[in-house]
Amino acid sequence: MAFPAAPSPCSISVSVWVSVGGLDLPALLVLLLSVVAGLLMVLIFGYSSDQKAIRVAKDQLKAQLLAVRLFQDQLPVVLVSYGRIVRSTGRYLQLAFKPLLIVALPLTILIVQLDRYLGWTPIPAGHVFLVKVRTTNAAAVAAVALQLPPELSTTAMVHMPEDQEIVWRVVATRNGNYDLNLGSPDQTVSKSVVVSSGLERLSRARLRGHFWERWFVSGERVLPRDGPIESIEVDYPSRSIRFAGLDWNWIWLFFILSLVAGFLFKTVLGIEI
C-alpha cells in the first residue's frame, strides 16, 4: 500500500488566502518581490558598473541626437552625428554588458525557483487531472502500471504505443502531498503530486536526462537512465494573477513591476543605467 509522501521542507502551505487592497497572496508576493528585485537590480548595476563612464557615454549620445535635430538641413553634420551616435551607442552597450550580465544571472535563478510556486496551482481536491508517462520504446507502454494511494483513483487510461505514451485521468478526494508509483517488471519510480488549495512548491515533471529542461520545470531527482520511463508529467493548472483589473502571467507582471520599481529607485539613488 502506498502512503502520502511527507511534506517537503521547502513547500509553503497556505490554506487561508489573504487579501490586501483586493490582491490575493500570489499577487501580493509578486508585488513585494518585484519592488525588492527592482531595488537590488539597481544597486547591483550601480556597484558593478563604471558610473562615470556610463554618464559620459550617455551625455555624448544625447549631444549627437540633439545635433541631428538642430542641423537636420546640413547633411555632412548629420552624417557625422549619425556615425558618432553609433559609436556612442556601442560604447554604452560595452559598459553596460558586464553589470547587466551580473544582474541577469541571479535574476534568472530567482525566476526559475519562484515559478515552482507562482507559475502553476496545485490540484484542487475533487478535480480531475492527467498523469502522462513517456516510455523509451513502444514495448514498454504495456508494461508500466500506476499505483496510487487510497486518496487518489483513476477514472480512465489511454495507451498510445505509437507515441510511446500512457495517460491516466486521476482524481483526488482530499488535500495532501502524494507519491504516484509507476512500476514495470524491472523497476518502480515515483512522481510527487500536490493536492491543495494553498500555495505550494510544484514540480510538473520528473525527467531522465534533459538537463536544461529539468532545471526549468522539474524539482525532483533525475529518473534512472536504465529504466523504461523517459518522463512523468502531472497536468497542473496554470496560474493567472489578478492585478489592476487584468489577468497576468506572473513572470510578465514581475518584469513590468520590477522595471517600474527599478526606474524609480535609480532616480532616487542617482544611479546611471
Protein backbone atom coordinates (compact mmCIF):
# COMPACT_ATOMS: atom_id res chain seq x y z
CA MET A 1 0.00 0.00 0.00
CA ALA A 2 1.26 3.47 -0.88
CA PHE A 3 1.06 6.28 1.65
CA PRO A 4 1.08 10.06 1.26
CA ALA A 5 4.55 11.49 0.98
CA ALA A 6 5.86 13.65 3.80
CA PRO A 7 5.55 17.39 3.08
CA SER A 8 8.63 18.94 1.58
CA PRO A 9 10.50 21.28 3.96
CA CYS A 10 10.75 23.75 1.07
CA SER A 11 7.00 23.90 0.48
CA ILE A 12 4.81 26.78 1.52
CA SER A 13 1.42 25.54 2.60
CA VAL A 14 -1.19 28.26 2.84
CA SER A 15 -4.73 27.09 3.43
CA VAL A 16 -6.21 30.55 4.04
CA TRP A 17 -5.79 33.16 1.32
CA VAL A 18 -5.12 36.69 2.49
CA SER A 19 -6.34 39.74 0.64
CA VAL A 20 -4.98 43.27 0.97
CA GLY A 21 -6.33 46.03 -1.23
CA GLY A 22 -8.13 43.46 -3.38
CA LEU A 23 -4.93 41.47 -4.01
CA ASP A 24 -4.66 37.81 -3.07
CA LEU A 25 -1.49 36.22 -1.69
CA PRO A 26 0.21 35.41 -5.05
CA ALA A 27 -0.39 38.97 -6.32
CA LEU A 28 0.97 40.44 -3.07
CA LEU A 29 4.06 38.23 -3.29
CA VAL A 30 4.72 39.26 -6.90
CA LEU A 31 4.30 42.93 -5.98
CA LEU A 32 6.65 42.68 -2.99
CA LEU A 33 9.26 40.61 -4.85
CA SER A 34 9.16 43.00 -7.82
CA VAL A 35 9.90 46.01 -5.63
CA VAL A 36 12.75 44.19 -3.86
CA ALA A 37 14.15 42.87 -7.16
CA GLY A 38 13.97 46.35 -8.73
CA LEU A 39 15.94 47.83 -5.84
CA LEU A 40 18.54 45.04 -5.86
CA MET A 41 19.00 45.23 -9.65
CA VAL A 42 19.67 48.97 -9.47
CA LEU A 43 22.11 48.58 -6.56
CA ILE A 44 23.99 45.71 -8.24
CA PHE A 45 24.17 47.62 -11.53
CA GLY A 46 25.42 50.73 -9.74
CA TYR A 47 28.16 48.94 -7.80
CA SER A 48 29.33 46.73 -10.69
CA SER A 49 29.43 49.42 -13.41
CA ASP A 50 31.65 52.38 -14.22
CA GLN A 51 29.11 55.08 -13.43
CA LYS A 52 31.29 57.96 -14.61
CA ALA A 53 31.99 56.35 -18.00
CA ILE A 54 28.31 55.47 -18.48
CA ARG A 55 27.33 59.05 -17.69
CA VAL A 56 29.85 60.38 -20.25
CA ALA A 57 28.67 57.90 -22.92
CA LYS A 58 25.02 58.86 -22.37
CA ASP A 59 25.83 62.58 -22.48
CA GLN A 60 27.72 62.13 -25.76
CA LEU A 61 24.80 60.18 -27.20
CA LYS A 62 22.33 62.89 -26.17
CA ALA A 63 24.58 65.58 -27.67
CA GLN A 64 24.73 63.84 -31.04
CA LEU A 65 20.97 63.24 -31.09
CA LEU A 66 20.49 66.94 -30.41
CA ALA A 67 22.93 67.80 -33.20
CA VAL A 68 20.91 65.72 -35.68
CA ARG A 69 17.79 67.62 -34.69
CA LEU A 70 19.38 71.08 -34.76
CA PHE A 71 21.36 70.68 -38.01
CA GLN A 72 18.98 68.45 -39.97
CA ASP A 73 19.36 70.72 -43.02
CA GLN A 74 23.16 70.22 -43.09
CA LEU A 75 23.79 66.75 -44.47
CA PRO A 76 27.56 66.50 -43.64
CA VAL A 77 26.89 67.40 -39.99
CA VAL A 78 24.01 64.93 -39.80
CA LEU A 79 26.11 62.09 -41.26
CA VAL A 80 28.97 62.77 -38.83
CA SER A 81 26.47 62.85 -35.94
CA TYR A 82 24.96 59.52 -37.00
CA GLY A 83 28.42 57.96 -37.01
CA ARG A 84 29.08 59.31 -33.53
CA ILE A 85 25.67 58.05 -32.36
CA VAL A 86 26.59 54.54 -33.47
CA ARG A 87 29.98 54.80 -31.75
CA SER A 88 28.47 56.19 -28.53
CA THR A 89 25.79 53.51 -28.51
CA GLY A 90 28.43 50.79 -28.89
CA ARG A 91 30.46 52.33 -26.08
CA TYR A 92 27.40 52.43 -23.81
CA LEU A 93 26.49 48.81 -24.56
CA GLN A 94 30.07 47.75 -23.86
CA LEU A 95 29.97 49.50 -20.47
CA ALA A 96 26.53 48.09 -19.61
CA PHE A 97 27.12 44.48 -20.70
CA LYS A 98 29.06 43.28 -17.64
CA PRO A 99 26.71 44.74 -14.99
CA LEU A 100 23.65 43.55 -16.94
CA LEU A 101 25.12 40.04 -17.04
CA ILE A 102 25.78 40.16 -13.29
CA VAL A 103 22.15 41.21 -12.75
CA ALA A 104 20.69 38.67 -15.22
CA LEU A 105 22.24 35.51 -13.76
CA PRO A 106 20.78 35.69 -10.22
CA LEU A 107 17.53 37.07 -11.63
CA THR A 108 17.16 34.01 -13.88
CA ILE A 109 17.77 31.65 -10.97
CA LEU A 110 15.23 33.57 -8.86
CA ILE A 111 12.57 33.38 -11.59
CA VAL A 112 13.07 29.64 -12.10
CA GLN A 113 12.66 28.97 -8.38
CA LEU A 114 9.67 31.28 -7.97
CA ASP A 115 7.95 29.69 -10.97
CA ARG A 116 7.70 26.48 -8.93
CA TYR A 117 5.35 28.39 -6.59
CA LEU A 118 3.71 31.04 -8.76
CA GLY A 119 3.57 29.55 -12.25
CA TRP A 120 1.11 26.75 -11.50
CA THR A 121 -1.60 25.91 -8.99
CA PRO A 122 -1.92 22.65 -7.03
CA ILE A 123 -4.66 20.21 -7.98
CA PRO A 124 -7.91 21.09 -6.18
CA ALA A 125 -9.48 18.23 -4.25
CA GLY A 126 -12.25 16.58 -6.27
CA HIS A 127 -10.87 17.82 -9.62
CA VAL A 128 -9.68 15.53 -12.39
CA PHE A 129 -6.08 15.84 -13.59
CA LEU A 130 -3.88 13.99 -16.08
CA VAL A 131 -0.74 11.97 -15.47
CA LYS A 132 1.31 11.37 -18.62
CA VAL A 133 4.20 8.93 -18.93
CA ARG A 134 6.54 8.71 -21.89
CA THR A 135 8.49 5.48 -22.26
CA THR A 136 11.76 4.76 -24.01
CA ASN A 137 10.12 2.38 -26.52
CA ALA A 138 6.69 1.23 -27.63
CA ALA A 139 7.01 -2.20 -25.99
CA ALA A 140 7.37 -0.62 -22.54
CA VAL A 141 3.96 1.06 -22.77
CA ALA A 142 2.09 -2.11 -21.87
CA ALA A 143 4.48 -2.92 -19.01
CA VAL A 144 4.12 0.30 -16.97
CA ALA A 145 1.45 0.31 -14.25
CA LEU A 146 0.29 3.13 -11.98
CA GLN A 147 -0.08 2.56 -8.23
CA LEU A 148 -1.99 5.20 -6.28
CA PRO A 149 -2.52 5.96 -2.57
CA PRO A 150 -6.08 5.42 -1.25
CA GLU A 151 -6.92 9.14 -1.59
CA LEU A 152 -6.38 9.06 -5.37
CA SER A 153 -8.15 6.98 -8.01
CA THR A 154 -8.09 6.65 -11.79
CA THR A 155 -11.15 7.30 -13.93
CA ALA A 156 -9.66 6.47 -17.34
CA MET A 157 -6.46 5.28 -19.00
CA VAL A 158 -5.22 5.51 -22.59
CA HIS A 159 -2.28 3.59 -24.09
CA MET A 160 -0.62 5.17 -27.14
CA PRO A 161 2.16 2.80 -28.27
CA GLU A 162 2.76 4.80 -31.47
CA ASP A 163 3.66 7.84 -29.34
CA GLN A 164 5.30 5.79 -26.57
CA GLU A 165 2.90 7.38 -24.06
CA ILE A 166 0.38 6.39 -21.40
CA VAL A 167 -2.14 8.87 -19.98
CA TRP A 168 -4.19 8.36 -16.83
CA ARG A 169 -7.07 10.54 -15.69
CA VAL A 170 -6.86 10.79 -11.91
CA VAL A 171 -8.99 12.38 -9.19
CA ALA A 172 -8.08 13.10 -5.55
CA THR A 173 -10.60 13.01 -2.71
CA ARG A 174 -8.69 15.20 -0.24
CA ASN A 175 -5.73 17.55 0.08
CA GLY A 176 -2.23 16.20 0.63
CA ASN A 177 1.23 15.60 -0.83
CA TYR A 178 1.27 12.20 -2.51
CA ASP A 179 3.60 9.90 -4.40
CA LEU A 180 2.46 8.26 -7.62
CA ASN A 181 4.31 4.97 -8.04
CA LEU A 182 4.89 3.78 -11.58
CA GLY A 183 6.15 0.25 -11.87
CA SER A 184 7.46 -2.05 -14.53
CA PRO A 185 8.66 -5.64 -14.09
CA ASP A 186 12.21 -4.34 -13.62
CA GLN A 187 11.83 -1.06 -11.76
CA THR A 188 9.49 1.24 -9.79
CA VAL A 189 9.80 5.03 -9.72
CA SER A 190 7.68 7.73 -8.13
CA LYS A 191 6.36 11.17 -9.00
CA SER A 192 5.11 13.73 -6.48
CA VAL A 193 1.69 15.31 -6.81
CA VAL A 194 0.24 18.08 -4.63
CA VAL A 195 -3.49 18.37 -3.95
CA SER A 196 -4.17 21.64 -2.16
CA SER A 197 -5.96 24.97 -2.20
CA GLY A 198 -2.88 26.83 -0.98
CA LEU A 199 0.48 27.99 -2.29
CA GLU A 200 2.87 25.07 -2.78
CA ARG A 201 6.17 24.30 -4.44
CA LEU A 202 5.30 22.22 -7.50
CA SER A 203 7.30 20.02 -9.83
CA ARG A 204 5.42 19.48 -13.09
CA ALA A 205 7.65 16.72 -14.40
CA ARG A 206 10.23 14.16 -13.47
CA LEU A 207 12.64 13.55 -16.34
CA ARG A 208 15.52 11.38 -17.46
CA GLY A 209 18.38 13.42 -18.91
CA HIS A 210 17.25 16.71 -20.49
CA PHE A 211 19.42 18.77 -18.12
CA TRP A 212 18.17 22.22 -19.12
CA GLU A 213 14.52 21.17 -19.26
CA ARG A 214 14.87 19.57 -15.82
CA TRP A 215 16.43 22.77 -14.48
CA PHE A 216 13.43 24.80 -15.61
CA VAL A 217 10.43 22.51 -14.98
CA SER A 218 11.44 19.76 -12.55
CA GLY A 219 12.18 19.91 -8.85
CA GLU A 220 12.79 16.18 -8.46
CA ARG A 221 15.66 13.75 -8.87
CA VAL A 222 16.51 12.55 -12.36
CA LEU A 223 14.85 9.30 -13.48
CA PRO A 224 17.14 6.23 -13.67
CA ARG A 225 18.94 6.01 -17.00
CA ASP A 226 18.48 2.24 -17.23
CA GLY A 227 14.70 2.34 -16.71
CA PRO A 228 11.90 2.17 -19.29
CA ILE A 229 10.41 5.58 -18.37
CA GLU A 230 11.60 8.75 -20.11
CA SER A 231 9.37 11.26 -18.33
CA ILE A 232 6.43 11.59 -15.92
CA GLU A 233 4.27 14.70 -16.09
CA VAL A 234 1.41 15.97 -13.93
CA ASP A 235 -1.02 18.35 -15.61
CA TYR A 236 -1.14 21.16 -13.03
CA PRO A 237 -3.40 24.13 -13.94
CA SER A 238 -1.51 27.28 -14.92
CA ARG A 239 -1.90 30.24 -12.56
CA SER A 240 -3.29 33.63 -13.58
CA ILE A 241 -2.70 36.54 -11.22
CA ARG A 242 -5.31 39.25 -10.99
CA PHE A 243 -3.74 42.70 -10.88
CA ALA A 244 -5.05 46.12 -11.94
CA GLY A 245 -8.20 44.52 -13.32
CA LEU A 246 -6.30 42.16 -15.65
CA ASP A 247 -5.21 38.53 -15.54
CA TRP A 248 -1.43 38.21 -15.78
CA ASN A 249 1.17 35.54 -16.16
CA TRP A 250 3.27 36.17 -13.07
CA ILE A 251 6.56 36.49 -14.98
CA TRP A 252 5.23 39.32 -17.20
CA LEU A 253 3.80 41.08 -14.16
CA PHE A 254 7.08 40.62 -12.26
CA PHE A 255 9.15 42.06 -15.14
CA ILE A 256 6.91 45.10 -15.59
CA LEU A 257 6.66 45.92 -11.88
CA SER A 258 10.38 45.34 -11.25
CA LEU A 259 11.29 47.62 -14.19
CA VAL A 260 8.98 50.36 -12.89
CA ALA A 261 10.45 49.96 -9.40
CA GLY A 262 13.98 49.95 -10.83
CA PHE A 263 13.48 53.22 -12.71
CA LEU A 264 12.04 54.83 -9.59
CA PHE A 265 14.94 53.65 -7.42
CA LYS A 266 17.56 54.70 -9.97
CA THR A 267 16.14 58.22 -9.95
CA VAL A 268 16.03 58.39 -6.16
CA LEU A 269 19.54 56.91 -5.75
CA GLY A 270 21.08 58.81 -8.68
CA ILE A 271 22.40 55.67 -10.40
CA GLU A 272 23.02 55.74 -14.15
CA ILE A 273 21.63 52.82 -16.15
